Amino acid sequence: MYGLGFTHAMDRLWQLEFFRRLASGRLSEVFGSETLPIDKHVRTVGIPRMADKYMSEVSEADQLVLENYAAGVNKVVEQI
């Protein structure tokens, strides 16, 4: 999973960053006031809270898979 995260980040870091901002309600930081309604809606829905809840409920093996993927992505970000 580390390698997959690394490869995804090498090819699609812009897309990962876009979706990270979308899911956290932070598109307006980049795109301005046009995306403010989207940010407000997403923050109301609370995707980060749902993700935290999910991570507390998944098995240790699944957490390890997700953490390894994120480590691969983060390694590419460190190299930029």
C-alpha atoms as a PDB file:
ATOM      1  CA  MET A   1       0.000   0.000   0.000  1.00  0.00           C
ATOM      2  CA  TYR A   2       2.966   2.289   0.592  1.00  0.00           C
ATOM      3  CA  GLY A   3       3.976   1.874  -3.054  1.00  0.00           C
ATOM      4  CA  LEU A   4       0.434   2.494  -4.258  1.00  0.00           C
ATOM      5  CA  GLY A   5       0.197   5.698  -2.221  1.00  0.00           C
ATOM      6  CA  PHE A   6       3.605   6.787  -3.514  1.00  0.00           C
ATOM      7  CA  THR A   7       2.605   6.088  -7.125  1.00  0.00           C
ATOM      8  CA  HIS A   8      -0.752   7.821  -6.794  1.00  0.00           C
ATOM      9  CA  ALA A   9       0.947  10.887  -5.331  1.00  0.00           C
ATOM     10  CA  MET A  10       3.552  10.941  -8.104  1.00  0.00           C
ATOM     11  CA  ASP A  11       0.872  10.909 -10.801  1.00  0.00           C
ATOM     12  CA  ARG A  12      -2.100  12.583  -9.142  1.00  0.00           C
ATOM     13  CA  LEU A  13      -1.005  14.715  -6.219  1.00  0.00           C
ATOM     14  CA  TRP A  14      -3.122  17.601  -7.510  1.00  0.00           C
ATOM     15  CA  GLN A  15      -6.201  15.367  -7.436  1.00  0.00           C
ATOM     16  CA  LEU A  16      -5.458  14.028  -3.957  1.00  0.00           C
ATOM     17  CA  GLU A  17      -5.028  17.603  -2.705  1.00  0.00           C
ATOM     18  CA  PHE A  18      -8.269  18.698  -4.369  1.00  0.00           C
ATOM     19  CA  PHE A  19     -10.256  15.874  -2.778  1.00  0.00           C
ATOM     20  CA  ARG A  20      -8.595  16.465   0.604  1.00  0.00           C
ATOM     21  CA  ARG A  21      -9.688  20.099   0.466  1.00  0.00           C
ATOM     22  CA  LEU A  22     -13.144  19.150  -0.781  1.00  0.00           C
ATOM     23  CA  ALA A  23     -13.693  16.619   2.008  1.00  0.00           C
ATOM     24  CA  SER A  24     -12.562  19.062   4.692  1.00  0.00           C
ATOM     25  CA  GLY A  25     -14.555  22.031   3.401  1.00  0.00           C
ATOM     26  CA  ARG A  26     -11.510  24.059   2.400  1.00  0.00           C
ATOM     27  CA  LEU A  27     -11.890  24.617  -1.348  1.00  0.00           C
ATOM     28  CA  SER A  28     -12.450  28.354  -0.895  1.00  0.00           C
ATOM     29  CA  GLU A  29      -8.900  28.755   0.383  1.00  0.00           C
ATOM     30  CA  VAL A  30      -7.774  28.077  -3.184  1.00  0.00           C
ATOM     31  CA  PHE A  31     -10.746  28.873  -5.412  1.00  0.00           C
ATOM     32  CA  GLY A  32     -12.260  31.843  -3.585  1.00  0.00           C
ATOM     33  CA  SER A  33     -15.816  32.709  -2.656  1.00  0.00           C
ATOM     34  CA  GLU A  34     -17.412  30.760  -5.521  1.00  0.00           C
ATOM     35  CA  THR A  35     -16.849  27.511  -3.627  1.00  0.00           C
ATOM     36  CA  LEU A  36     -17.975  28.833  -0.238  1.00  0.00           C
ATOM     37  CA  PRO A  37     -21.437  27.162  -0.473  1.00  0.00           C
ATOM     38  CA  ILE A  38     -19.731  23.822  -1.108  1.00  0.00           C
ATOM     39  CA  ASP A  39     -17.412  24.330   1.873  1.00  0.00           C
ATOM     40  CA  LYS A  40     -20.326  25.217   4.144  1.00  0.00           C
ATOM     41  CA  HIS A  41     -22.285  22.143   3.068  1.00  0.00           C
ATOM     42  CA  VAL A  42     -19.326  19.782   3.464  1.00  0.00           C
ATOM     43  CA  ARG A  43     -18.499  21.172   6.910  1.00  0.00           C
ATOM     44  CA  THR A  44     -22.127  20.690   7.947  1.00  0.00           C
ATOM     45  CA  VAL A  45     -22.021  17.078   6.800  1.00  0.00           C
ATOM     46  CA  GLY A  46     -18.793  16.565   8.761  1.00  0.00           C
ATOM     47  CA  ILE A  47     -16.764  14.227   6.600  1.00  0.00           C
ATOM     48  CA  PRO A  48     -13.630  14.531   8.794  1.00  0.00           C
ATOM     49  CA  ARG A  49     -15.685  13.521  11.848  1.00  0.00           C
ATOM     50  CA  MET A  50     -17.047  10.533   9.942  1.00  0.00           C
ATOM     51  CA  ALA A  51     -13.528   9.531   8.881  1.00  0.00           C
ATOM     52  CA  ASP A  52     -12.276   9.734  12.470  1.00  0.00           C
ATOM     53  CA  LYS A  53     -15.198   7.601  13.628  1.00  0.00           C
ATOM     54  CA  TYR A  54     -14.531   5.083  10.857  1.00  0.00           C
ATOM     55  CA  MET A  55     -10.846   4.825  11.768  1.00  0.00           C
ATOM     56  CA  SER A  56     -11.741   4.102  15.377  1.00  0.00           C
ATOM     57  CA  GLU A  57     -13.985   1.227  14.272  1.00  0.00           C
ATOM     58  CA  VAL A  58     -11.895  -0.551  11.623  1.00  0.00           C
ATOM     59  CA  SER A  59      -9.564  -3.407  12.403  1.00  0.00           C
ATOM     60  CA  GLU A  60      -5.906  -2.824  13.159  1.00  0.00           C
ATOM     61  CA  ALA A  61      -5.029  -4.534   9.885  1.00  0.00           C
ATOM     62  CA  ASP A  62      -7.209  -2.104   7.911  1.00  0.00           C
ATOM     63  CA  GLN A  63      -5.753   0.845   9.812  1.00  0.00           C
ATOM     64  CA  LEU A  64      -2.281  -0.360   8.883  1.00  0.00           C
ATOM     65  CA  VAL A  65      -3.249  -0.540   5.203  1.00  0.00           C
ATOM     66  CA  LEU A  66      -4.576   3.037   5.259  1.00  0.00           C
ATOM     67  CA  GLU A  67      -1.603   4.354   7.233  1.00  0.00           C
ATOM     68  CA  ASN A  68       0.844   2.755   4.787  1.00  0.00           C
ATOM     69  CA  TYR A  69      -0.973   4.304   1.832  1.00  0.00           C
ATOM     70  CA  ALA A  70      -0.836   7.716   3.530  1.00  0.00           C
ATOM     71  CA  ALA A  71       2.868   7.235   4.296  1.00  0.00           C
ATOM     72  CA  GLY A  72       3.534   6.661   0.601  1.00  0.00           C
ATOM     73  CA  VAL A  73       1.666   9.828  -0.326  1.00  0.00           C
ATOM     74  CA  ASN A  74       3.436  11.800   2.398  1.00  0.00           C
ATOM     75  CA  LYS A  75       6.841  10.633   1.184  1.00  0.00           C
ATOM     76  CA  VAL A  76       6.196  12.217  -2.221  1.00  0.00           C
ATOM     77  CA  VAL A  77       4.997  15.423  -0.561  1.00  0.00           C
ATOM     78  CA  GLU A  78       8.230  15.568   1.472  1.00  0.00           C
ATOM     79  CA  GLN A  79      10.255  15.389  -1.733  1.00  0.00           C
ATOM     80  CA  ILE A  80       8.560  18.356  -3.372  1.00  0.00           C
END
